[in-house]
Amino acid sequence: MREKETYIVVTFHSTTQAMEMEKKCKQKKIPGRLIPVPGSIAAGCGMCWCTKLEEKELLNQFLKEENLCVQNIKECLI
């Protein structure tokens, strides 16, 4: 069984917002991917952007620059 790691999880109110995040992250080469929201977190659309903990500063700067609408940003064991 794979050992769980801590990741940064960005949740959204809608699937449209999640897809916009995915598109812009790919354009800017921000590492991560869309995954179903882990059971330990509640989120509006059921999808979240997940990236490694070491990408936290890069992700925060990206979100600030792009002014994307997100529901929440959490650290989560996945």
PDB file of N, CA and C in Angstrom:
ATOM      1  N   MET A   1       0.844  -1.179   0.000  1.00  0.00           N
ATOM      2  CA  MET A   1       0.000   0.000   0.000  1.00  0.00           C
ATOM      3  C   MET A   1       0.887   1.240   0.000  1.00  0.00           C
ATOM      4  N   ARG A   2       0.515   2.206  -0.806  1.00  0.00           N
ATOM      5  CA  ARG A   2       1.271   3.436  -0.940  1.00  0.00           C
ATOM      6  C   ARG A   2       1.117   4.297   0.306  1.00  0.00           C
ATOM      7  N   GLU A   3       2.216   4.879   0.760  1.00  0.00           N
ATOM      8  CA  GLU A   3       2.178   5.765   1.921  1.00  0.00           C
ATOM      9  C   GLU A   3       1.578   7.112   1.515  1.00  0.00           C
ATOM     10  N   LYS A   4       0.707   7.653   2.340  1.00  0.00           N
ATOM     11  CA  LYS A   4       0.062   8.926   2.040  1.00  0.00           C
ATOM     12  C   LYS A   4       1.051  10.072   2.199  1.00  0.00           C
ATOM     13  N   GLU A   5       0.883  11.091   1.332  1.00  0.00           N
ATOM     14  CA  GLU A   5       1.712  12.285   1.367  1.00  0.00           C
ATOM     15  C   GLU A   5       0.818  13.503   1.517  1.00  0.00           C
ATOM     16  N   THR A   6       1.398  14.606   1.993  1.00  0.00           N
ATOM     17  CA  THR A   6       0.654  15.852   2.109  1.00  0.00           C
ATOM     18  C   THR A   6       0.718  16.605   0.786  1.00  0.00           C
ATOM     19  N   TYR A   7      -0.444  17.011   0.305  1.00  0.00           N
ATOM     20  CA  TYR A   7      -0.569  17.773  -0.931  1.00  0.00           C
ATOM     21  C   TYR A   7      -1.335  19.058  -0.659  1.00  0.00           C
ATOM     22  N   ILE A   8      -1.197  20.011  -1.570  1.00  0.00           N
ATOM     23  CA  ILE A   8      -2.029  21.211  -1.560  1.00  0.00           C
ATOM     24  C   ILE A   8      -3.251  20.895  -2.415  1.00  0.00           C
ATOM     25  N   VAL A   9      -4.435  21.161  -1.879  1.00  0.00           N
ATOM     26  CA  VAL A   9      -5.686  20.889  -2.574  1.00  0.00           C
ATOM     27  C   VAL A   9      -6.463  22.204  -2.696  1.00  0.00           C
ATOM     28  N   VAL A  10      -6.809  22.555  -3.931  1.00  0.00           N
ATOM     29  CA  VAL A  10      -7.574  23.777  -4.204  1.00  0.00           C
ATOM     30  C   VAL A  10      -8.974  23.354  -4.636  1.00  0.00           C
ATOM     31  N   THR A  11      -9.990  23.782  -3.887  1.00  0.00           N
ATOM     32  CA  THR A  11     -11.367  23.411  -4.211  1.00  0.00           C
ATOM     33  C   THR A  11     -12.098  24.571  -4.878  1.00  0.00           C
ATOM     34  N   PHE A  12     -13.208  24.240  -5.543  1.00  0.00           N
ATOM     35  CA  PHE A  12     -13.959  25.202  -6.349  1.00  0.00           C
ATOM     36  C   PHE A  12     -15.451  25.060  -6.090  1.00  0.00           C
ATOM     37  N   HIS A  13     -16.172  26.139  -6.359  1.00  0.00           N
ATOM     38  CA  HIS A  13     -17.631  26.120  -6.245  1.00  0.00           C
ATOM     39  C   HIS A  13     -18.276  25.419  -7.438  1.00  0.00           C
ATOM     40  N   SER A  14     -17.604  25.470  -8.606  1.00  0.00           N
ATOM     41  CA  SER A  14     -18.211  24.884  -9.807  1.00  0.00           C
ATOM     42  C   SER A  14     -17.170  24.136 -10.637  1.00  0.00           C
ATOM     43  N   THR A  15     -17.652  23.221 -11.443  1.00  0.00           N
ATOM     44  CA  THR A  15     -16.781  22.470 -12.346  1.00  0.00           C
ATOM     45  C   THR A  15     -16.142  23.399 -13.369  1.00  0.00           C
ATOM     46  N   THR A  16     -16.857  24.428 -13.790  1.00  0.00           N
ATOM     47  CA  THR A  16     -16.324  25.400 -14.738  1.00  0.00           C
ATOM     48  C   THR A  16     -15.074  26.069 -14.177  1.00  0.00           C
ATOM     49  N   GLN A  17     -15.108  26.443 -12.899  1.00  0.00           N
ATOM     50  CA  GLN A  17     -13.946  27.055 -12.260  1.00  0.00           C
ATOM     51  C   GLN A  17     -12.781  26.069 -12.179  1.00  0.00           C
ATOM     52  N   ALA A  18     -13.075  24.816 -11.888  1.00  0.00           N
ATOM     53  CA  ALA A  18     -12.037  23.785 -11.816  1.00  0.00           C
ATOM     54  C   ALA A  18     -11.383  23.592 -13.182  1.00  0.00           C
ATOM     55  N   MET A  19     -12.178  23.573 -14.227  1.00  0.00           N
ATOM     56  CA  MET A  19     -11.653  23.399 -15.582  1.00  0.00           C
ATOM     57  C   MET A  19     -10.835  24.615 -16.025  1.00  0.00           C
ATOM     58  N   GLU A  20     -11.244  25.806 -15.608  1.00  0.00           N
ATOM     59  CA  GLU A  20     -10.485  27.016 -15.914  1.00  0.00           C
ATOM     60  C   GLU A  20      -9.112  26.949 -15.234  1.00  0.00           C
ATOM     61  N   MET A  21      -9.092  26.493 -13.998  1.00  0.00           N
ATOM     62  CA  MET A  21      -7.834  26.327 -13.265  1.00  0.00           C
ATOM     63  C   MET A  21      -6.918  25.360 -14.002  1.00  0.00           C
ATOM     64  N   GLU A  22      -7.461  24.227 -14.422  1.00  0.00           N
ATOM     65  CA  GLU A  22      -6.671  23.226 -15.137  1.00  0.00           C
ATOM     66  C   GLU A  22      -6.077  23.819 -16.416  1.00  0.00           C
ATOM     67  N   LYS A  23      -6.883  24.525 -17.166  1.00  0.00           N
ATOM     68  CA  LYS A  23      -6.439  25.114 -18.432  1.00  0.00           C
ATOM     69  C   LYS A  23      -5.306  26.120 -18.209  1.00  0.00           C
ATOM     70  N   LYS A  24      -5.488  27.012 -17.242  1.00  0.00           N
ATOM     71  CA  LYS A  24      -4.481  28.043 -16.990  1.00  0.00           C
ATOM     72  C   LYS A  24      -3.205  27.453 -16.392  1.00  0.00           C
ATOM     73  N   CYS A  25      -3.339  26.439 -15.558  1.00  0.00           N
ATOM     74  CA  CYS A  25      -2.154  25.787 -14.996  1.00  0.00           C
ATOM     75  C   CYS A  25      -1.341  25.105 -16.082  1.00  0.00           C
ATOM     76  N   LYS A  26      -2.009  24.471 -17.016  1.00  0.00           N
ATOM     77  CA  LYS A  26      -1.292  23.828 -18.122  1.00  0.00           C
ATOM     78  C   LYS A  26      -0.572  24.865 -18.967  1.00  0.00           C
ATOM     79  N   GLN A  27      -1.236  26.004 -19.230  1.00  0.00           N
ATOM     80  CA  GLN A  27      -0.623  27.068 -20.019  1.00  0.00           C
ATOM     81  C   GLN A  27       0.636  27.620 -19.350  1.00  0.00           C
ATOM     82  N   LYS A  28       0.589  27.765 -18.034  1.00  0.00           N
ATOM     83  CA  LYS A  28       1.704  28.348 -17.273  1.00  0.00           C
ATOM     84  C   LYS A  28       2.661  27.291 -16.717  1.00  0.00           C
ATOM     85  N   LYS A  29       2.389  26.022 -17.073  1.00  0.00           N
ATOM     86  CA  LYS A  29       3.223  24.893 -16.627  1.00  0.00           C
ATOM     87  C   LYS A  29       3.309  24.791 -15.100  1.00  0.00           C
ATOM     88  N   ILE A  30       2.165  25.002 -14.444  1.00  0.00           N
ATOM     89  CA  ILE A  30       2.064  24.818 -13.001  1.00  0.00           C
ATOM     90  C   ILE A  30       1.798  23.332 -12.751  1.00  0.00           C
ATOM     91  N   PRO A  31       2.664  22.656 -12.013  1.00  0.00           N
ATOM     92  CA  PRO A  31       2.465  21.217 -11.800  1.00  0.00           C
ATOM     93  C   PRO A  31       1.207  20.914 -10.988  1.00  0.00           C
ATOM     94  N   GLY A  32       0.565  19.825 -11.315  1.00  0.00           N
ATOM     95  CA  GLY A  32      -0.620  19.374 -10.600  1.00  0.00           C
ATOM     96  C   GLY A  32      -1.637  18.787 -11.553  1.00  0.00           C
ATOM     97  N   ARG A  33      -2.809  18.438 -10.983  1.00  0.00           N
ATOM     98  CA  ARG A  33      -3.871  17.864 -11.818  1.00  0.00           C
ATOM     99  C   ARG A  33      -5.199  17.950 -11.086  1.00  0.00           C
ATOM    100  N   LEU A  34      -6.281  17.804 -11.836  1.00  0.00           N
ATOM    101  CA  LEU A  34      -7.613  17.742 -11.241  1.00  0.00           C
ATOM    102  C   LEU A  34      -7.850  16.332 -10.736  1.00  0.00           C
ATOM    103  N   ILE A  35      -8.400  16.238  -9.530  1.00  0.00           N
ATOM    104  CA  ILE A  35      -8.753  14.946  -8.947  1.00  0.00           C
ATOM    105  C   ILE A  35     -10.103  15.094  -8.246  1.00  0.00           C
ATOM    106  N   PRO A  36     -10.772  13.991  -7.954  1.00  0.00           N
ATOM    107  CA  PRO A  36     -11.978  14.079  -7.116  1.00  0.00           C
ATOM    108  C   PRO A  36     -11.594  14.590  -5.725  1.00  0.00           C
ATOM    109  N   VAL A  37     -12.456  15.381  -5.121  1.00  0.00           N
ATOM    110  CA  VAL A  37     -12.181  15.924  -3.793  1.00  0.00           C
ATOM    111  C   VAL A  37     -12.060  14.769  -2.794  1.00  0.00           C
ATOM    112  N   PRO A  38     -10.984  14.754  -1.994  1.00  0.00           N
ATOM    113  CA  PRO A  38     -10.845  13.710  -0.968  1.00  0.00           C
ATOM    114  C   PRO A  38     -12.020  13.743   0.004  1.00  0.00           C
ATOM    115  N   GLY A  39     -12.371  12.610   0.543  1.00  0.00           N
ATOM    116  CA  GLY A  39     -13.510  12.493   1.443  1.00  0.00           C
ATOM    117  C   GLY A  39     -13.406  13.337   2.703  1.00  0.00           C
ATOM    118  N   SER A  40     -12.183  13.697   3.089  1.00  0.00           N
ATOM    119  CA  SER A  40     -11.996  14.487   4.301  1.00  0.00           C
ATOM    120  C   SER A  40     -12.286  15.972   4.101  1.00  0.00           C
ATOM    121  N   ILE A  41     -12.560  16.372   2.849  1.00  0.00           N
ATOM    122  CA  ILE A  41     -12.823  17.778   2.526  1.00  0.00           C
ATOM    123  C   ILE A  41     -14.188  17.886   1.861  1.00  0.00           C
ATOM    124  N   ALA A  42     -14.932  18.932   2.183  1.00  0.00           N
ATOM    125  CA  ALA A  42     -16.198  19.201   1.500  1.00  0.00           C
ATOM    126  C   ALA A  42     -15.966  20.311   0.480  1.00  0.00           C
ATOM    127  N   ALA A  43     -16.502  20.131  -0.728  1.00  0.00           N
ATOM    128  CA  ALA A  43     -16.352  21.150  -1.767  1.00  0.00           C
ATOM    129  C   ALA A  43     -17.567  21.139  -2.669  1.00  0.00           C
ATOM    130  N   GLY A  44     -17.830  22.285  -3.257  1.00  0.00           N
ATOM    131  CA  GLY A  44     -19.021  22.473  -4.067  1.00  0.00           C
ATOM    132  C   GLY A  44     -19.148  21.560  -5.271  1.00  0.00           C
ATOM    133  N   CYS A  45     -18.092  21.454  -6.093  1.00  0.00           N
ATOM    134  CA  CYS A  45     -18.258  20.749  -7.364  1.00  0.00           C
ATOM    135  C   CYS A  45     -17.750  19.314  -7.357  1.00  0.00           C
ATOM    136  N   GLY A  46     -17.002  18.920  -6.348  1.00  0.00           N
ATOM    137  CA  GLY A  46     -16.505  17.552  -6.287  1.00  0.00           C
ATOM    138  C   GLY A  46     -15.158  17.347  -6.958  1.00  0.00           C
ATOM    139  N   MET A  47     -14.597  18.412  -7.576  1.00  0.00           N
ATOM    140  CA  MET A  47     -13.285  18.335  -8.211  1.00  0.00           C
ATOM    141  C   MET A  47     -12.349  19.315  -7.512  1.00  0.00           C
ATOM    142  N   CYS A  48     -11.055  18.981  -7.492  1.00  0.00           N
ATOM    143  CA  CYS A  48     -10.080  19.892  -6.899  1.00  0.00           C
ATOM    144  C   CYS A  48      -8.770  19.806  -7.675  1.00  0.00           C
ATOM    145  N   TRP A  49      -7.972  20.860  -7.566  1.00  0.00           N
ATOM    146  CA  TRP A  49      -6.637  20.873  -8.158  1.00  0.00           C
ATOM    147  C   TRP A  49      -5.678  20.400  -7.074  1.00  0.00           C
ATOM    148  N   CYS A  50      -4.845  19.465  -7.394  1.00  0.00           N
ATOM    149  CA  CYS A  50      -3.935  18.872  -6.422  1.00  0.00           C
ATOM    150  C   CYS A  50      -2.502  19.056  -6.912  1.00  0.00           C
ATOM    151  N   THR A  51      -1.628  19.522  -6.025  1.00  0.00           N
ATOM    152  CA  THR A  51      -0.216  19.663  -6.362  1.00  0.00           C
ATOM    153  C   THR A  51       0.626  19.350  -5.133  1.00  0.00           C
ATOM    154  N   LYS A  52       1.886  19.076  -5.331  1.00  0.00           N
ATOM    155  CA  LYS A  52       2.777  18.719  -4.228  1.00  0.00           C
ATOM    156  C   LYS A  52       2.986  19.913  -3.294  1.00  0.00           C
ATOM    157  N   LEU A  53       3.231  19.611  -2.049  1.00  0.00           N
ATOM    158  CA  LEU A  53       3.404  20.623  -1.012  1.00  0.00           C
ATOM    159  C   LEU A  53       4.520  21.612  -1.351  1.00  0.00           C
ATOM    160  N   GLU A  54       5.574  21.137  -1.980  1.00  0.00           N
ATOM    161  CA  GLU A  54       6.692  22.026  -2.308  1.00  0.00           C
ATOM    162  C   GLU A  54       6.350  23.070  -3.380  1.00  0.00           C
ATOM    163  N   GLU A  55       5.200  22.944  -4.024  1.00  0.00           N
ATOM    164  CA  GLU A  55       4.755  23.908  -5.037  1.00  0.00           C
ATOM    165  C   GLU A  55       3.867  25.004  -4.433  1.00  0.00           C
ATOM    166  N   LYS A  56       3.767  25.063  -3.118  1.00  0.00           N
ATOM    167  CA  LYS A  56       2.844  25.981  -2.452  1.00  0.00           C
ATOM    168  C   LYS A  56       3.082  27.448  -2.829  1.00  0.00           C
ATOM    169  N   GLU A  57       4.318  27.910  -2.767  1.00  0.00           N
ATOM    170  CA  GLU A  57       4.615  29.308  -3.094  1.00  0.00           C
ATOM    171  C   GLU A  57       4.305  29.614  -4.555  1.00  0.00           C
ATOM    172  N   LEU A  58       4.699  28.731  -5.451  1.00  0.00           N
ATOM    173  CA  LEU A  58       4.419  28.904  -6.869  1.00  0.00           C
ATOM    174  C   LEU A  58       2.915  28.968  -7.113  1.00  0.00           C
ATOM    175  N   LEU A  59       2.168  28.079  -6.477  1.00  0.00           N
ATOM    176  CA  LEU A  59       0.712  28.053  -6.632  1.00  0.00           C
ATOM    177  C   LEU A  59       0.074  29.333  -6.098  1.00  0.00           C
ATOM    178  N   ASN A  60       0.491  29.777  -4.915  1.00  0.00           N
ATOM    179  CA  ASN A  60      -0.069  31.006  -4.345  1.00  0.00           C
ATOM    180  C   ASN A  60       0.198  32.216  -5.244  1.00  0.00           C
ATOM    181  N   GLN A  61       1.408  32.314  -5.792  1.00  0.00           N
ATOM    182  CA  GLN A  61       1.736  33.421  -6.699  1.00  0.00           C
ATOM    183  C   GLN A  61       0.886  33.334  -7.971  1.00  0.00           C
ATOM    184  N   PHE A  62       0.736  32.140  -8.501  1.00  0.00           N
ATOM    185  CA  PHE A  62      -0.079  31.930  -9.696  1.00  0.00           C
ATOM    186  C   PHE A  62      -1.522  32.364  -9.457  1.00  0.00           C
ATOM    187  N   LEU A  63      -2.106  31.940  -8.334  1.00  0.00           N
ATOM    188  CA  LEU A  63      -3.493  32.288  -8.028  1.00  0.00           C
ATOM    189  C   LEU A  63      -3.660  33.799  -7.860  1.00  0.00           C
ATOM    190  N   LYS A  64      -2.676  34.442  -7.263  1.00  0.00           N
ATOM    191  CA  LYS A  64      -2.722  35.889  -7.076  1.00  0.00           C
ATOM    192  C   LYS A  64      -2.677  36.600  -8.437  1.00  0.00           C
ATOM    193  N   GLU A  65      -1.780  36.171  -9.311  1.00  0.00           N
ATOM    194  CA  GLU A  65      -1.614  36.790 -10.633  1.00  0.00           C
ATOM    195  C   GLU A  65      -2.834  36.559 -11.526  1.00  0.00           C
ATOM    196  N   GLU A  66      -3.375  35.354 -11.505  1.00  0.00           N
ATOM    197  CA  GLU A  66      -4.478  34.998 -12.399  1.00  0.00           C
ATOM    198  C   GLU A  66      -5.843  35.412 -11.861  1.00  0.00           C
ATOM    199  N   ASN A  67      -5.910  35.737 -10.579  1.00  0.00           N
ATOM    200  CA  ASN A  67      -7.169  36.149  -9.949  1.00  0.00           C
ATOM    201  C   ASN A  67      -8.281  35.126 -10.190  1.00  0.00           C
ATOM    202  N   LEU A  68      -7.952  33.853  -9.993  1.00  0.00           N
ATOM    203  CA  LEU A  68      -8.921  32.779 -10.182  1.00  0.00           C
ATOM    204  C   LEU A  68      -9.834  32.669  -8.963  1.00  0.00           C
ATOM    205  N   CYS A  69     -11.065  32.295  -9.209  1.00  0.00           N
ATOM    206  CA  CYS A  69     -12.038  32.139  -8.135  1.00  0.00           C
ATOM    207  C   CYS A  69     -11.941  30.714  -7.584  1.00  0.00           C
ATOM    208  N   VAL A  70     -11.484  30.599  -6.340  1.00  0.00           N
ATOM    209  CA  VAL A  70     -11.379  29.293  -5.698  1.00  0.00           C
ATOM    210  C   VAL A  70     -12.215  29.282  -4.424  1.00  0.00           C
ATOM    211  N   GLN A  71     -12.630  28.103  -4.020  1.00  0.00           N
ATOM    212  CA  GLN A  71     -13.423  27.974  -2.802  1.00  0.00           C
ATOM    213  C   GLN A  71     -12.527  27.933  -1.569  1.00  0.00           C
ATOM    214  N   ASN A  72     -11.471  27.099  -1.642  1.00  0.00           N
ATOM    215  CA  ASN A  72     -10.605  26.932  -0.489  1.00  0.00           C
ATOM    216  C   ASN A  72      -9.272  26.341  -0.917  1.00  0.00           C
ATOM    217  N   ILE A  73      -8.241  26.562  -0.104  1.00  0.00           N
ATOM    218  CA  ILE A  73      -6.924  25.959  -0.326  1.00  0.00           C
ATOM    219  C   ILE A  73      -6.538  25.283   0.989  1.00  0.00           C
ATOM    220  N   LYS A  74      -6.256  23.982   0.922  1.00  0.00           N
ATOM    221  CA  LYS A  74      -5.927  23.222   2.125  1.00  0.00           C
ATOM    222  C   LYS A  74      -4.757  22.298   1.882  1.00  0.00           C
ATOM    223  N   GLU A  75      -4.124  21.926   2.966  1.00  0.00           N
ATOM    224  CA  GLU A  75      -3.134  20.855   2.924  1.00  0.00           C
ATOM    225  C   GLU A  75      -3.854  19.581   3.340  1.00  0.00           C
ATOM    226  N   CYS A  76      -3.629  18.493   2.591  1.00  0.00           N
ATOM    227  CA  CYS A  76      -4.408  17.280   2.827  1.00  0.00           C
ATOM    228  C   CYS A  76      -3.531  16.051   2.577  1.00  0.00           C
ATOM    229  N   LEU A  77      -3.701  15.038   3.410  1.00  0.00           N
ATOM    230  CA  LEU A  77      -3.035  13.755   3.182  1.00  0.00           C
ATOM    231  C   LEU A  77      -3.783  12.985   2.104  1.00  0.00           C
ATOM    232  N   ILE A  78      -3.073  12.633   1.067  1.00  0.00           N
ATOM    233  CA  ILE A  78      -3.696  11.877  -0.031  1.00  0.00           C
ATOM    234  C   ILE A  78      -2.830  10.665  -0.330  1.00  0.00           C
TER     235      ILE A  78
END
